[in-house]
Protein backbone atom coordinates (compact mmCIF):
# COMPACT_ATOMS: atom_id res chain seq x y z
CA MET A 1 15.15 -20.73 90.27
CA ARG A 2 17.33 -18.83 87.31
CA GLU A 3 15.87 -20.79 84.55
CA VAL A 4 11.76 -21.05 85.54
CA ALA A 5 11.73 -17.41 86.07
CA ALA A 6 13.37 -16.96 83.06
CA SER A 7 10.62 -18.76 80.89
CA LEU A 8 8.21 -17.30 82.57
CA GLY A 9 9.59 -13.79 82.01
CA ILE A 10 9.20 -12.72 85.87
CA ALA A 11 12.06 -11.85 87.90
CA GLU A 12 13.81 -14.61 90.00
CA SER A 13 12.46 -12.93 93.36
CA CYS A 14 9.02 -13.27 92.40
CA LEU A 15 9.22 -16.88 92.45
CA HIS A 16 11.10 -16.45 95.58
CA ARG A 17 8.20 -14.65 97.36
CA TRP A 18 6.14 -17.08 95.67
CA LYS A 19 7.47 -20.12 97.30
CA ARG A 20 7.63 -18.30 100.35
CA LEU A 21 4.23 -17.67 100.81
CA GLU A 22 3.14 -21.40 99.87
CA LEU A 23 5.48 -22.69 102.73
CA ILE A 24 3.50 -19.95 104.82
CA VAL A 25 -0.26 -21.29 103.50
CA ARG A 26 1.14 -24.83 104.26
CA GLY A 27 2.26 -24.06 107.92
CA LEU A 28 5.94 -24.99 107.03
CA LYS A 29 7.38 -21.98 107.65
CA ALA A 30 6.39 -19.55 109.98
CA PRO A 31 5.39 -15.73 108.70
CA SER A 32 8.55 -13.43 109.65
CA PRO A 33 7.61 -11.28 112.78
CA ALA A 34 7.10 -8.16 110.98
CA ALA A 35 4.78 -9.42 109.04
CA VAL A 36 2.71 -10.66 111.98
CA GLU A 37 3.08 -7.03 113.46
CA SER A 38 1.80 -5.73 110.10
CA ALA A 39 -1.15 -7.42 110.00
CA ALA A 40 -1.73 -7.06 113.87
CA LEU A 41 -1.65 -3.14 112.93
CA ALA A 42 -3.52 -3.42 110.13
CA GLN A 43 -6.42 -5.09 112.75
CA VAL A 44 -5.79 -2.52 115.17
CA ARG A 45 -6.31 0.22 112.70
CA ALA A 46 -9.64 -1.28 111.58
CA TRP A 47 -10.64 -1.53 114.91
CA ILE A 48 -9.59 2.28 115.59
CA THR A 49 -11.58 3.40 112.33
CA GLU A 50 -14.74 1.41 113.81
CA LEU A 51 -14.70 3.21 116.69
CA GLU A 52 -14.06 6.68 115.46
CA ASN A 53 -17.10 6.16 113.43
CA GLU A 54 -19.62 4.99 116.49
CA VAL A 55 -17.61 7.78 118.37
CA LYS A 56 -19.11 10.25 115.28
CA ILE A 57 -22.28 8.33 115.41
CA LEU A 58 -23.13 9.14 119.00
CA ARG A 59 -22.43 12.73 119.39
CA LYS A 60 -24.71 13.05 116.59
CA ALA A 61 -27.25 11.52 118.86
CA VAL A 62 -26.04 13.97 121.97
CA ALA A 63 -26.33 16.66 119.45
CA ALA A 64 -29.79 15.26 118.59
CA VAL A 65 -30.91 15.10 121.92
CA GLU A 66 -29.88 18.31 122.75
CA GLN A 67 -32.09 20.41 120.25
CA VAL A 68 -35.19 17.97 122.20
CA VAL A 69 -34.45 17.91 125.63
CA PRO A 70 -34.31 21.28 127.34
CA PRO A 71 -31.03 21.35 129.67
CA LYS A 72 -33.11 21.42 132.81
CA VAL A 73 -34.34 17.83 132.17
CA ARG A 74 -30.94 16.73 130.92
CA PHE A 75 -29.05 17.71 134.08
CA ALA A 76 -31.73 17.19 136.67
């Protein structure tokens, strides 16, 4: 590894990381629990962002309805 990294002009740790990722992609090695947790966290964050956007849209819709429909009709 040391010789290959030197010949390519990159750090040896970079080659080790590439090798580990290639083994994971091929299914020959399981990803680390931290990587799985990180991916799950990214999915949850994306879902939270989507839900926050939906809440903003619903609040705008409620505000628009409140401007058009009188309170007596809304709460009848």
